[in-house]
Each structure stands twice: as structure tokens, then as C-alpha cells.
Amino acid sequence: MSTFVTLGLGYAIRPIRGLVFGHLGDRIGRRAVLILSVLLMSAGTTALGLLPGYAQIGAMAPVLLVLCRLVQGFSAGGESTGSGIFLIEHAPSDRRGLYASVTPATNNIGTMVGVLVGMAVTATTTPEQLASWGWRMPFLTAAPLALAGLYLRLGVEESPVFAAVRAEGDVASAPLVQESKLAKKSMLVMFAWATTYTVTSASWLRFSCRT
């Protein structure tokens, strides 16, 4: 149960991260949010691989573990939502659905790669090695991957839609408040749909993997 609670905290923070990264994306730009999200995700993941165990620092070990998980969950908001918006705003008007589908499709690829890495680490280490240091190795790969991701994101241009809005000086000071007045019903419908989908898919995936 403690494992599932720790995992669930990363999902519980998603509404907050959506508000924060949505606001930042509408204020400072989509590209900046994507750069920030990859830095936060890599920091939280790398820190997991470096955490001392319970034998070294006692109860602070699970506390730090939860904090790292919260950083991961928080940064994923800028990653998943931000990348989708970025792709849509770069897409031709008749290909937006196709471009938007890239983000959820590649999320599944990431999950598959994670499973394969876990299997590889388990197969190449003894139970004692896995419990001692083997489990840390996948988390530590976040550091070089972050450098690659940062290099790629620094090389892309800002979303043309946001660039045009910024050039016109039409960036809203309170984007969420403005949009809630214009599209409140649509926002509530999408929030309900996203919550239902996330809870259902995450529960099925975690419990099916456990069994």
C-alpha cells in the first residue's frame, strides 16, 4: 500500500502542475516550459538513483523518495501537455489531430522501454546486487538523457502561434482566468475526461503489472 501511495502522489499533483505549467506556457512560451520540464524531470529521476537508504538516514529516506516522486509528477505536466500544445501549434491546420497524437503514442513507447530496461537490469544482476545498487542504474541514466533532451529543445523555435501573440503584445496576464470566462464548459468537460482516463488506465496498468 505504501508503494501505491507513493506512486499515487505523482498523479495527485497533476491538477496543480497543469495549472502552473499552463500559466507559464501562456506567459513565457511553450519552448521555455519544455526546457524547464525536462530539467525538473531529470533532476527528480537522477535524485532517486542517488538517494541513501533507510539504513543510512532512517525515516528521511522515504520522505525524500516521496519528494522526488512529486518532482517527477509535477514536471510531467509541462512535458505531456506542453509538448502536445507545441506540436499542435506547429502543425498545419488540417493535420493538428495527427500531430497531437504523437505525444500519447510516444508515451507508450517510453513505458515499453522502461519495462525492457527493468527486465534487463533484473536479468543481469543477482538479487543482492539488484537490491544494493542495480535498481539505481535506470534512474541514473536520466542525467545523460536530460543533456540530449536539453540540446534538442534549445535548438527548436518557439511555437509560431505564441510568437505571434507575443509580437502583438497580446500575452494575457492571467490566462486561466481569461480562458475560464471564454470556454468554461469545454474546460470542465476536458478535465472530467482526462481524470477518468488517467485514473482508469493507471489503475489497470499498475494492478495488471502487479499480478
N, C-alpha and C. Protein backbone atom coordinates (compact mmCIF):
# COMPACT_ATOMS: atom_id res chain seq x y z
N MET A 1 0.83 -1.20 0.00
CA MET A 1 0.00 0.00 0.00
C MET A 1 0.87 1.26 0.00
N SER A 2 1.99 1.22 0.75
CA SER A 2 2.89 2.38 0.78
C SER A 2 3.45 2.66 -0.61
N THR A 3 3.75 1.58 -1.35
CA THR A 3 4.27 1.75 -2.71
C THR A 3 3.25 2.44 -3.60
N PHE A 4 1.99 2.01 -3.51
CA PHE A 4 0.95 2.59 -4.35
C PHE A 4 0.63 4.02 -3.95
N VAL A 5 0.73 4.31 -2.64
CA VAL A 5 0.51 5.69 -2.19
C VAL A 5 1.60 6.60 -2.74
N THR A 6 2.85 6.13 -2.67
CA THR A 6 3.96 6.92 -3.21
C THR A 6 3.78 7.17 -4.69
N LEU A 7 3.38 6.14 -5.43
CA LEU A 7 3.11 6.28 -6.85
C LEU A 7 1.94 7.22 -7.10
N GLY A 8 0.90 7.07 -6.29
CA GLY A 8 -0.31 7.87 -6.49
C GLY A 8 -0.11 9.35 -6.25
N LEU A 9 0.84 9.70 -5.39
CA LEU A 9 1.09 11.12 -5.14
C LEU A 9 1.53 11.85 -6.40
N GLY A 10 2.25 11.12 -7.26
CA GLY A 10 2.66 11.73 -8.52
C GLY A 10 1.47 12.07 -9.40
N TYR A 11 0.41 11.28 -9.29
CA TYR A 11 -0.81 11.56 -10.06
C TYR A 11 -1.65 12.64 -9.37
N ALA A 12 -1.64 12.63 -8.05
CA ALA A 12 -2.46 13.59 -7.30
C ALA A 12 -2.03 15.03 -7.57
N ILE A 13 -0.76 15.21 -7.88
CA ILE A 13 -0.25 16.56 -8.09
C ILE A 13 -0.51 17.06 -9.51
N ARG A 14 -1.05 16.21 -10.36
CA ARG A 14 -1.25 16.58 -11.76
C ARG A 14 -2.13 17.81 -11.97
N PRO A 15 -3.25 17.95 -11.26
CA PRO A 15 -4.04 19.18 -11.47
C PRO A 15 -3.26 20.45 -11.16
N ILE A 16 -2.44 20.39 -10.11
CA ILE A 16 -1.65 21.56 -9.75
C ILE A 16 -0.62 21.86 -10.82
N ARG A 17 0.05 20.83 -11.29
CA ARG A 17 1.07 21.03 -12.31
C ARG A 17 0.46 21.58 -13.58
N GLY A 18 -0.77 21.13 -13.89
CA GLY A 18 -1.45 21.64 -15.09
C GLY A 18 -1.70 23.13 -14.99
N LEU A 19 -2.13 23.57 -13.82
CA LEU A 19 -2.38 25.00 -13.62
C LEU A 19 -1.09 25.80 -13.73
N VAL A 20 -0.03 25.29 -13.10
CA VAL A 20 1.24 26.03 -13.09
C VAL A 20 1.87 26.08 -14.48
N PHE A 21 2.00 24.92 -15.11
CA PHE A 21 2.66 24.89 -16.42
C PHE A 21 1.79 25.51 -17.50
N GLY A 22 0.47 25.38 -17.36
CA GLY A 22 -0.41 26.05 -18.31
C GLY A 22 -0.24 27.56 -18.25
N HIS A 23 -0.17 28.06 -17.03
CA HIS A 23 0.03 29.51 -16.84
C HIS A 23 1.38 29.95 -17.41
N LEU A 24 2.43 29.19 -17.10
CA LEU A 24 3.76 29.55 -17.58
C LEU A 24 3.84 29.47 -19.10
N GLY A 25 3.22 28.44 -19.67
CA GLY A 25 3.24 28.31 -21.12
C GLY A 25 2.58 29.47 -21.82
N ASP A 26 1.50 29.99 -21.24
CA ASP A 26 0.79 31.13 -21.83
C ASP A 26 1.45 32.46 -21.52
N ARG A 27 2.37 32.45 -20.56
CA ARG A 27 3.03 33.69 -20.17
C ARG A 27 4.44 33.83 -20.77
N ILE A 28 5.24 32.78 -20.67
CA ILE A 28 6.63 32.88 -21.10
C ILE A 28 6.93 32.06 -22.36
N GLY A 29 6.00 31.22 -22.77
CA GLY A 29 6.20 30.48 -24.02
C GLY A 29 6.25 28.98 -23.85
N ARG A 30 5.91 28.28 -24.94
CA ARG A 30 5.88 26.81 -24.92
C ARG A 30 7.30 26.23 -24.82
N ARG A 31 8.22 26.81 -25.54
CA ARG A 31 9.60 26.30 -25.56
C ARG A 31 10.23 26.37 -24.18
N ALA A 32 10.04 27.47 -23.49
CA ALA A 32 10.62 27.62 -22.16
C ALA A 32 10.08 26.59 -21.18
N VAL A 33 8.79 26.28 -21.29
CA VAL A 33 8.18 25.28 -20.41
C VAL A 33 8.74 23.90 -20.70
N LEU A 34 8.95 23.57 -21.96
CA LEU A 34 9.51 22.27 -22.31
C LEU A 34 10.95 22.13 -21.80
N ILE A 35 11.71 23.20 -21.83
CA ILE A 35 13.07 23.17 -21.29
C ILE A 35 13.03 22.99 -19.77
N LEU A 36 12.15 23.71 -19.11
CA LEU A 36 12.02 23.59 -17.66
C LEU A 36 11.57 22.19 -17.25
N SER A 37 10.64 21.63 -18.00
CA SER A 37 10.11 20.31 -17.62
C SER A 37 11.16 19.21 -17.74
N VAL A 38 11.99 19.26 -18.78
CA VAL A 38 13.00 18.21 -18.93
C VAL A 38 14.07 18.34 -17.84
N LEU A 39 14.37 19.55 -17.41
CA LEU A 39 15.34 19.74 -16.33
C LEU A 39 14.79 19.23 -15.00
N LEU A 40 13.53 19.53 -14.73
CA LEU A 40 12.92 19.06 -13.48
C LEU A 40 12.79 17.54 -13.45
N MET A 41 12.35 16.97 -14.57
CA MET A 41 12.18 15.51 -14.62
C MET A 41 13.52 14.80 -14.43
N SER A 42 14.55 15.28 -15.10
CA SER A 42 15.86 14.64 -14.97
C SER A 42 16.42 14.80 -13.56
N ALA A 43 16.18 15.97 -12.94
CA ALA A 43 16.66 16.19 -11.58
C ALA A 43 15.98 15.24 -10.60
N GLY A 44 14.65 15.12 -10.69
CA GLY A 44 13.92 14.23 -9.79
C GLY A 44 14.29 12.78 -9.99
N THR A 45 14.48 12.37 -11.25
CA THR A 45 14.80 10.97 -11.55
C THR A 45 16.22 10.62 -11.13
N THR A 46 17.16 11.50 -11.45
CA THR A 46 18.55 11.26 -11.05
C THR A 46 18.68 11.22 -9.52
N ALA A 47 17.96 12.10 -8.85
CA ALA A 47 18.00 12.11 -7.38
C ALA A 47 17.51 10.80 -6.80
N LEU A 48 16.53 10.18 -7.43
CA LEU A 48 16.06 8.88 -6.97
C LEU A 48 17.18 7.85 -6.97
N GLY A 49 18.01 7.89 -8.01
CA GLY A 49 19.11 6.94 -8.10
C GLY A 49 20.23 7.20 -7.12
N LEU A 50 20.26 8.40 -6.54
CA LEU A 50 21.32 8.77 -5.61
C LEU A 50 20.88 8.76 -4.15
N LEU A 51 19.61 8.49 -3.91
CA LEU A 51 19.09 8.55 -2.54
C LEU A 51 19.77 7.54 -1.62
N PRO A 52 20.18 7.97 -0.43
CA PRO A 52 20.64 6.99 0.57
C PRO A 52 19.47 6.17 1.08
N GLY A 53 19.76 5.00 1.57
CA GLY A 53 18.70 4.11 2.02
C GLY A 53 18.27 4.37 3.45
N TYR A 54 17.30 3.58 3.91
CA TYR A 54 16.78 3.72 5.26
C TYR A 54 17.86 3.46 6.31
N ALA A 55 18.78 2.56 5.98
CA ALA A 55 19.85 2.22 6.94
C ALA A 55 20.78 3.40 7.17
N GLN A 56 20.89 4.31 6.18
CA GLN A 56 21.79 5.44 6.31
C GLN A 56 21.12 6.66 6.97
N ILE A 57 19.90 6.97 6.58
CA ILE A 57 19.29 8.21 7.08
C ILE A 57 17.91 7.99 7.71
N GLY A 58 17.53 6.76 7.89
CA GLY A 58 16.29 6.47 8.59
C GLY A 58 15.05 6.94 7.86
N ALA A 59 14.13 7.55 8.60
CA ALA A 59 12.82 7.92 8.05
C ALA A 59 12.91 8.99 6.96
N MET A 60 14.04 9.70 6.88
CA MET A 60 14.19 10.71 5.82
C MET A 60 14.26 10.07 4.44
N ALA A 61 14.64 8.80 4.38
CA ALA A 61 14.75 8.12 3.09
C ALA A 61 13.41 8.07 2.36
N PRO A 62 12.34 7.56 3.00
CA PRO A 62 11.04 7.57 2.30
C PRO A 62 10.50 8.98 2.07
N VAL A 63 10.83 9.92 2.97
CA VAL A 63 10.37 11.29 2.76
C VAL A 63 10.99 11.88 1.50
N LEU A 64 12.30 11.67 1.33
CA LEU A 64 12.98 12.16 0.13
C LEU A 64 12.50 11.44 -1.12
N LEU A 65 12.17 10.16 -0.97
CA LEU A 65 11.64 9.40 -2.09
C LEU A 65 10.33 10.00 -2.57
N VAL A 66 9.46 10.33 -1.64
CA VAL A 66 8.18 10.94 -2.00
C VAL A 66 8.40 12.31 -2.66
N LEU A 67 9.34 13.09 -2.15
CA LEU A 67 9.62 14.40 -2.73
C LEU A 67 10.12 14.27 -4.17
N CYS A 68 10.98 13.30 -4.41
CA CYS A 68 11.47 13.06 -5.77
C CYS A 68 10.32 12.66 -6.68
N ARG A 69 9.43 11.83 -6.16
CA ARG A 69 8.28 11.40 -6.95
C ARG A 69 7.36 12.58 -7.27
N LEU A 70 7.22 13.50 -6.33
CA LEU A 70 6.40 14.69 -6.56
C LEU A 70 7.02 15.58 -7.62
N VAL A 71 8.34 15.70 -7.61
CA VAL A 71 9.02 16.48 -8.64
C VAL A 71 8.80 15.85 -10.01
N GLN A 72 8.89 14.52 -10.07
CA GLN A 72 8.63 13.83 -11.33
C GLN A 72 7.21 14.08 -11.82
N GLY A 73 6.25 13.87 -10.92
CA GLY A 73 4.86 14.06 -11.30
C GLY A 73 4.56 15.49 -11.71
N PHE A 74 5.17 16.43 -11.02
CA PHE A 74 4.95 17.84 -11.33
C PHE A 74 5.52 18.19 -12.70
N SER A 75 6.74 17.74 -12.97
CA SER A 75 7.38 18.08 -14.24
C SER A 75 6.71 17.42 -15.43
N ALA A 76 6.08 16.27 -15.20
CA ALA A 76 5.41 15.59 -16.31
C ALA A 76 4.27 16.43 -16.87
N GLY A 77 3.73 17.35 -16.07
CA GLY A 77 2.66 18.22 -16.56
C GLY A 77 3.14 19.14 -17.67
N GLY A 78 4.34 19.70 -17.49
CA GLY A 78 4.89 20.55 -18.53
C GLY A 78 5.31 19.75 -19.74
N GLU A 79 5.66 18.48 -19.51
CA GLU A 79 6.14 17.64 -20.60
C GLU A 79 5.01 17.16 -21.50
N SER A 80 4.04 16.47 -20.92
CA SER A 80 2.98 15.86 -21.73
C SER A 80 2.07 16.91 -22.36
N THR A 81 1.56 17.83 -21.53
CA THR A 81 0.67 18.85 -22.04
C THR A 81 1.41 19.86 -22.91
N GLY A 82 2.58 20.28 -22.45
CA GLY A 82 3.35 21.27 -23.19
C GLY A 82 3.77 20.79 -24.56
N SER A 83 4.21 19.53 -24.65
CA SER A 83 4.65 19.01 -25.94
C SER A 83 3.46 18.88 -26.90
N GLY A 84 2.29 18.49 -26.36
CA GLY A 84 1.11 18.39 -27.22
C GLY A 84 0.72 19.73 -27.82
N ILE A 85 0.70 20.76 -26.97
CA ILE A 85 0.37 22.11 -27.45
C ILE A 85 1.41 22.60 -28.45
N PHE A 86 2.67 22.32 -28.15
CA PHE A 86 3.76 22.75 -29.03
C PHE A 86 3.60 22.13 -30.42
N LEU A 87 3.28 20.85 -30.46
CA LEU A 87 3.11 20.17 -31.75
C LEU A 87 1.89 20.70 -32.51
N ILE A 88 0.79 20.89 -31.80
CA ILE A 88 -0.43 21.38 -32.44
C ILE A 88 -0.20 22.76 -33.05
N GLU A 89 0.52 23.61 -32.34
CA GLU A 89 0.72 24.97 -32.82
C GLU A 89 1.76 25.06 -33.93
N HIS A 90 2.51 23.99 -34.12
CA HIS A 90 3.44 23.92 -35.25
C HIS A 90 2.80 23.23 -36.46
N ALA A 91 1.69 22.54 -36.22
CA ALA A 91 1.09 21.71 -37.26
C ALA A 91 0.29 22.54 -38.27
N PRO A 92 0.20 22.05 -39.53
CA PRO A 92 -0.73 22.66 -40.48
C PRO A 92 -2.16 22.52 -39.95
N SER A 93 -3.03 23.40 -40.35
CA SER A 93 -4.39 23.41 -39.79
C SER A 93 -5.14 22.12 -40.04
N ASP A 94 -4.81 21.38 -41.12
CA ASP A 94 -5.52 20.14 -41.43
C ASP A 94 -4.82 18.90 -40.89
N ARG A 95 -3.73 19.07 -40.10
CA ARG A 95 -3.00 17.91 -39.58
C ARG A 95 -2.82 17.98 -38.06
N ARG A 96 -3.61 18.81 -37.40
CA ARG A 96 -3.40 19.00 -35.97
C ARG A 96 -3.69 17.73 -35.16
N GLY A 97 -4.72 17.00 -35.54
CA GLY A 97 -5.03 15.76 -34.82
C GLY A 97 -3.89 14.76 -34.92
N LEU A 98 -3.32 14.64 -36.12
CA LEU A 98 -2.21 13.71 -36.32
C LEU A 98 -0.99 14.13 -35.50
N TYR A 99 -0.66 15.40 -35.53
CA TYR A 99 0.49 15.89 -34.77
C TYR A 99 0.27 15.70 -33.27
N ALA A 100 -0.94 15.97 -32.81
CA ALA A 100 -1.25 15.85 -31.38
C ALA A 100 -1.14 14.40 -30.90
N SER A 101 -1.38 13.45 -31.79
CA SER A 101 -1.34 12.04 -31.40
C SER A 101 0.07 11.54 -31.12
N VAL A 102 1.08 12.30 -31.55
CA VAL A 102 2.46 11.87 -31.34
C VAL A 102 2.79 11.75 -29.86
N THR A 103 2.31 12.71 -29.06
CA THR A 103 2.65 12.70 -27.63
C THR A 103 2.13 11.46 -26.91
N PRO A 104 0.82 11.13 -26.96
CA PRO A 104 0.39 9.92 -26.26
C PRO A 104 0.98 8.64 -26.84
N ALA A 105 1.22 8.63 -28.16
CA ALA A 105 1.81 7.43 -28.77
C ALA A 105 3.22 7.19 -28.26
N THR A 106 4.03 8.23 -28.19
CA THR A 106 5.40 8.06 -27.71
C THR A 106 5.47 7.84 -26.20
N ASN A 107 4.45 8.30 -25.47
CA ASN A 107 4.39 7.96 -24.04
C ASN A 107 4.37 6.46 -23.85
N ASN A 108 3.59 5.76 -24.68
CA ASN A 108 3.51 4.31 -24.58
C ASN A 108 4.84 3.65 -24.94
N ILE A 109 5.54 4.24 -25.90
CA ILE A 109 6.86 3.71 -26.25
C ILE A 109 7.80 3.83 -25.05
N GLY A 110 7.72 4.98 -24.35
CA GLY A 110 8.55 5.17 -23.17
C GLY A 110 8.26 4.14 -22.09
N THR A 111 6.98 3.82 -21.92
CA THR A 111 6.61 2.79 -20.93
C THR A 111 7.19 1.44 -21.31
N MET A 112 7.12 1.09 -22.59
CA MET A 112 7.69 -0.18 -23.06
C MET A 112 9.20 -0.23 -22.85
N VAL A 113 9.88 0.87 -23.14
CA VAL A 113 11.33 0.91 -22.95
C VAL A 113 11.67 0.75 -21.46
N GLY A 114 10.87 1.40 -20.61
CA GLY A 114 11.09 1.27 -19.17
C GLY A 114 10.97 -0.16 -18.69
N VAL A 115 9.97 -0.87 -19.20
CA VAL A 115 9.79 -2.28 -18.83
C VAL A 115 10.98 -3.12 -19.29
N LEU A 116 11.44 -2.86 -20.52
CA LEU A 116 12.57 -3.61 -21.06
C LEU A 116 13.85 -3.34 -20.27
N VAL A 117 14.06 -2.09 -19.88
CA VAL A 117 15.24 -1.75 -19.08
C VAL A 117 15.17 -2.45 -17.72
N GLY A 118 13.99 -2.45 -17.10
CA GLY A 118 13.82 -3.14 -15.83
C GLY A 118 14.09 -4.63 -15.95
N MET A 119 13.62 -5.23 -17.04
CA MET A 119 13.88 -6.66 -17.27
C MET A 119 15.36 -6.92 -17.47
N ALA A 120 16.03 -6.02 -18.20
CA ALA A 120 17.46 -6.20 -18.47
C ALA A 120 18.28 -6.10 -17.18
N VAL A 121 17.96 -5.13 -16.34
CA VAL A 121 18.69 -4.96 -15.08
C VAL A 121 18.47 -6.17 -14.18
N THR A 122 17.22 -6.65 -14.12
CA THR A 122 16.90 -7.81 -13.28
C THR A 122 17.62 -9.06 -13.78
N ALA A 123 17.71 -9.21 -15.10
CA ALA A 123 18.32 -10.40 -15.68
C ALA A 123 19.84 -10.41 -15.57
N THR A 124 20.45 -9.24 -15.45
CA THR A 124 21.92 -9.16 -15.45
C THR A 124 22.53 -8.92 -14.07
N THR A 125 21.71 -8.92 -13.04
CA THR A 125 22.23 -8.75 -11.67
C THR A 125 21.67 -9.85 -10.78
N THR A 126 22.38 -10.14 -9.74
CA THR A 126 21.89 -11.08 -8.73
C THR A 126 20.88 -10.34 -7.85
N PRO A 127 20.03 -11.08 -7.11
CA PRO A 127 19.09 -10.41 -6.20
C PRO A 127 19.79 -9.45 -5.24
N GLU A 128 20.98 -9.85 -4.75
CA GLU A 128 21.71 -8.99 -3.82
C GLU A 128 22.21 -7.72 -4.51
N GLN A 129 22.72 -7.86 -5.74
CA GLN A 129 23.19 -6.70 -6.49
C GLN A 129 22.03 -5.78 -6.86
N LEU A 130 20.91 -6.37 -7.21
CA LEU A 130 19.74 -5.57 -7.57
C LEU A 130 19.26 -4.74 -6.39
N ALA A 131 19.23 -5.35 -5.21
CA ALA A 131 18.78 -4.63 -4.01
C ALA A 131 19.79 -3.60 -3.55
N SER A 132 21.08 -3.82 -3.83
CA SER A 132 22.11 -2.93 -3.37
C SER A 132 22.31 -1.71 -4.29
N TRP A 133 22.61 -1.97 -5.58
CA TRP A 133 22.90 -0.87 -6.50
C TRP A 133 22.24 -1.01 -7.87
N GLY A 134 21.84 -2.21 -8.21
CA GLY A 134 21.29 -2.43 -9.56
C GLY A 134 20.05 -1.61 -9.86
N TRP A 135 19.17 -1.45 -8.86
CA TRP A 135 17.93 -0.72 -9.08
C TRP A 135 18.18 0.77 -9.36
N ARG A 136 19.36 1.25 -8.97
CA ARG A 136 19.67 2.67 -9.17
C ARG A 136 20.04 3.00 -10.62
N MET A 137 20.56 2.05 -11.35
CA MET A 137 21.13 2.32 -12.67
C MET A 137 20.13 2.94 -13.66
N PRO A 138 18.90 2.42 -13.78
CA PRO A 138 17.96 3.06 -14.72
C PRO A 138 17.67 4.51 -14.38
N PHE A 139 17.61 4.84 -13.08
CA PHE A 139 17.33 6.22 -12.69
C PHE A 139 18.50 7.15 -13.03
N LEU A 140 19.72 6.64 -12.92
CA LEU A 140 20.89 7.47 -13.17
C LEU A 140 21.08 7.77 -14.66
N THR A 141 20.45 6.99 -15.52
CA THR A 141 20.54 7.28 -16.96
C THR A 141 19.80 8.57 -17.31
N ALA A 142 19.00 9.10 -16.37
CA ALA A 142 18.26 10.33 -16.65
C ALA A 142 19.19 11.51 -16.90
N ALA A 143 20.38 11.49 -16.30
CA ALA A 143 21.30 12.62 -16.44
C ALA A 143 21.79 12.80 -17.88
N PRO A 144 22.37 11.78 -18.52
CA PRO A 144 22.78 11.96 -19.92
C PRO A 144 21.60 12.17 -20.86
N LEU A 145 20.48 11.52 -20.57
CA LEU A 145 19.30 11.71 -21.42
C LEU A 145 18.80 13.15 -21.33
N ALA A 146 18.92 13.75 -20.15
CA ALA A 146 18.50 15.15 -19.98
C ALA A 146 19.35 16.08 -20.83
N LEU A 147 20.64 15.81 -20.90
CA LEU A 147 21.53 16.65 -21.72
C LEU A 147 21.13 16.57 -23.19
N ALA A 148 20.80 15.36 -23.65
CA ALA A 148 20.36 15.21 -25.03
C ALA A 148 19.05 15.94 -25.28
N GLY A 149 18.11 15.78 -24.34
CA GLY A 149 16.82 16.46 -24.48
C GLY A 149 16.96 17.96 -24.44
N LEU A 150 17.83 18.46 -23.57
CA LEU A 150 18.04 19.90 -23.46
C LEU A 150 18.66 20.45 -24.74
N TYR A 151 19.60 19.72 -25.30
CA TYR A 151 20.23 20.15 -26.56
C TYR A 151 19.20 20.26 -27.68
N LEU A 152 18.32 19.28 -27.78
CA LEU A 152 17.30 19.30 -28.82
C LEU A 152 16.32 20.45 -28.63
N ARG A 153 15.93 20.71 -27.40
CA ARG A 153 14.92 21.74 -27.14
C ARG A 153 15.47 23.15 -27.26
N LEU A 154 16.74 23.29 -26.99
CA LEU A 154 17.35 24.61 -27.19
C LEU A 154 17.46 24.95 -28.67
N GLY A 155 17.41 23.91 -29.51
CA GLY A 155 17.56 24.12 -30.94
C GLY A 155 16.27 24.35 -31.70
N VAL A 156 15.11 24.24 -31.03
CA VAL A 156 13.84 24.42 -31.73
C VAL A 156 13.34 25.85 -31.55
N GLU A 157 12.53 26.29 -32.48
CA GLU A 157 11.97 27.63 -32.41
C GLU A 157 10.69 27.63 -31.57
N GLU A 158 10.36 28.78 -31.06
CA GLU A 158 9.13 28.96 -30.30
C GLU A 158 7.92 28.66 -31.19
N SER A 159 6.84 28.23 -30.57
CA SER A 159 5.59 28.00 -31.29
C SER A 159 5.21 29.25 -32.09
N PRO A 160 4.91 29.09 -33.38
CA PRO A 160 4.55 30.28 -34.18
C PRO A 160 3.30 30.98 -33.67
N VAL A 161 2.39 30.23 -33.06
CA VAL A 161 1.17 30.84 -32.52
C VAL A 161 1.52 31.74 -31.35
N PHE A 162 2.32 31.22 -30.40
CA PHE A 162 2.69 32.05 -29.25
C PHE A 162 3.60 33.20 -29.67
N ALA A 163 4.50 32.94 -30.62
CA ALA A 163 5.39 34.01 -31.09
C ALA A 163 4.59 35.17 -31.67
N ALA A 164 3.51 34.85 -32.41
CA ALA A 164 2.68 35.91 -32.99
C ALA A 164 1.95 36.69 -31.90
N VAL A 165 1.45 35.96 -30.89
CA VAL A 165 0.75 36.63 -29.79
C VAL A 165 1.70 37.55 -29.04
N ARG A 166 2.91 37.07 -28.79
CA ARG A 166 3.88 37.88 -28.07
C ARG A 166 4.31 39.10 -28.90
N ALA A 167 4.45 38.92 -30.21
CA ALA A 167 4.84 40.03 -31.07
C ALA A 167 3.79 41.13 -31.08
N GLU A 168 2.53 40.73 -30.94
CA GLU A 168 1.43 41.70 -30.91
C GLU A 168 1.22 42.31 -29.53
N GLY A 169 1.98 41.83 -28.55
CA GLY A 169 1.83 42.33 -27.18
C GLY A 169 0.51 41.92 -26.55
N ASP A 170 0.00 40.74 -26.97
CA ASP A 170 -1.33 40.31 -26.52
C ASP A 170 -1.26 39.15 -25.52
N VAL A 171 -0.12 39.01 -24.83
CA VAL A 171 0.02 37.93 -23.84
C VAL A 171 -0.79 38.30 -22.60
N ALA A 172 -1.70 37.39 -22.20
CA ALA A 172 -2.58 37.67 -21.07
C ALA A 172 -1.82 37.61 -19.75
N SER A 173 -2.18 38.48 -18.83
CA SER A 173 -1.54 38.47 -17.51
C SER A 173 -2.08 37.35 -16.63
N ALA A 174 -3.33 36.97 -16.87
CA ALA A 174 -3.95 35.87 -16.11
C ALA A 174 -4.67 34.96 -17.10
N PRO A 175 -3.92 34.11 -17.83
CA PRO A 175 -4.51 33.29 -18.89
C PRO A 175 -5.64 32.39 -18.43
N LEU A 176 -5.49 31.76 -17.27
CA LEU A 176 -6.51 30.84 -16.79
C LEU A 176 -7.83 31.55 -16.53
N VAL A 177 -7.77 32.71 -15.91
CA VAL A 177 -8.98 33.48 -15.64
C VAL A 177 -9.66 33.88 -16.94
N GLN A 178 -8.86 34.31 -17.90
CA GLN A 178 -9.42 34.73 -19.18
C GLN A 178 -10.09 33.57 -19.91
N GLU A 179 -9.41 32.43 -19.96
CA GLU A 179 -9.95 31.28 -20.68
C GLU A 179 -11.16 30.68 -19.98
N SER A 180 -11.19 30.73 -18.65
CA SER A 180 -12.34 30.19 -17.92
C SER A 180 -13.61 30.98 -18.22
N LYS A 181 -13.45 32.22 -18.57
CA LYS A 181 -14.61 33.03 -18.95
C LYS A 181 -15.09 32.71 -20.36
N LEU A 182 -14.14 32.36 -21.23
CA LEU A 182 -14.49 32.13 -22.63
C LEU A 182 -14.88 30.67 -22.91
N ALA A 183 -14.30 29.72 -22.18
CA ALA A 183 -14.54 28.31 -22.51
C ALA A 183 -14.65 27.46 -21.25
N LYS A 184 -15.44 27.92 -20.29
CA LYS A 184 -15.56 27.22 -19.01
C LYS A 184 -16.12 25.81 -19.19
N LYS A 185 -17.16 25.66 -19.99
CA LYS A 185 -17.79 24.35 -20.17
C LYS A 185 -16.82 23.37 -20.81
N SER A 186 -16.13 23.81 -21.85
CA SER A 186 -15.18 22.94 -22.53
C SER A 186 -14.06 22.51 -21.59
N MET A 187 -13.60 23.42 -20.76
CA MET A 187 -12.54 23.10 -19.81
C MET A 187 -12.99 22.07 -18.79
N LEU A 188 -14.21 22.19 -18.31
CA LEU A 188 -14.73 21.22 -17.34
C LEU A 188 -14.91 19.84 -17.96
N VAL A 189 -15.39 19.82 -19.21
CA VAL A 189 -15.56 18.54 -19.90
C VAL A 189 -14.21 17.85 -20.09
N MET A 190 -13.21 18.60 -20.52
CA MET A 190 -11.89 18.02 -20.74
C MET A 190 -11.24 17.58 -19.43
N PHE A 191 -11.47 18.33 -18.36
CA PHE A 191 -10.93 17.95 -17.06
C PHE A 191 -11.54 16.62 -16.60
N ALA A 192 -12.86 16.47 -16.77
CA ALA A 192 -13.54 15.23 -16.38
C ALA A 192 -13.06 14.05 -17.22
N TRP A 193 -12.91 14.29 -18.53
CA TRP A 193 -12.45 13.21 -19.41
C TRP A 193 -11.03 12.80 -19.06
N ALA A 194 -10.14 13.77 -18.87
CA ALA A 194 -8.74 13.46 -18.57
C ALA A 194 -8.61 12.73 -17.23
N THR A 195 -9.41 13.14 -16.24
CA THR A 195 -9.35 12.49 -14.93
C THR A 195 -9.81 11.04 -15.03
N THR A 196 -10.92 10.82 -15.72
CA THR A 196 -11.44 9.46 -15.89
C THR A 196 -10.45 8.56 -16.61
N TYR A 197 -9.90 9.08 -17.69
CA TYR A 197 -8.95 8.29 -18.48
C TYR A 197 -7.70 7.96 -17.67
N THR A 198 -7.16 8.95 -16.98
CA THR A 198 -5.91 8.74 -16.24
C THR A 198 -6.09 7.75 -15.09
N VAL A 199 -7.15 7.93 -14.32
CA VAL A 199 -7.39 7.03 -13.19
C VAL A 199 -7.63 5.60 -13.67
N THR A 200 -8.42 5.45 -14.72
CA THR A 200 -8.73 4.11 -15.23
C THR A 200 -7.50 3.43 -15.81
N SER A 201 -6.80 4.12 -16.69
CA SER A 201 -5.64 3.50 -17.35
C SER A 201 -4.52 3.23 -16.37
N ALA A 202 -4.25 4.16 -15.46
CA ALA A 202 -3.18 3.97 -14.49
C ALA A 202 -3.48 2.81 -13.54
N SER A 203 -4.73 2.72 -13.08
CA SER A 203 -5.11 1.63 -12.17
C SER A 203 -4.99 0.28 -12.85
N TRP A 204 -5.47 0.21 -14.08
CA TRP A 204 -5.40 -1.05 -14.82
C TRP A 204 -3.95 -1.45 -15.06
N LEU A 205 -3.12 -0.49 -15.47
CA LEU A 205 -1.72 -0.80 -15.78
C LEU A 205 -0.97 -1.26 -14.53
N ARG A 206 -1.12 -0.54 -13.42
CA ARG A 206 -0.36 -0.88 -12.22
C ARG A 206 -0.78 -2.22 -11.65
N PHE A 207 -2.09 -2.46 -11.58
CA PHE A 207 -2.55 -3.72 -10.97
C PHE A 207 -2.30 -4.91 -11.89
N SER A 208 -2.39 -4.70 -13.21
CA SER A 208 -2.10 -5.80 -14.13
C SER A 208 -0.63 -6.16 -14.09
N CYS A 209 0.25 -5.14 -13.96
CA CYS A 209 1.69 -5.43 -13.84
C CYS A 209 1.99 -6.16 -12.54
N ARG A 210 1.26 -5.83 -11.48
CA ARG A 210 1.48 -6.45 -10.18
C ARG A 210 1.09 -7.93 -10.23
N THR A 211 -0.01 -8.25 -10.93
CA THR A 211 -0.45 -9.63 -10.99
C THR A 211 0.30 -10.42 -12.04
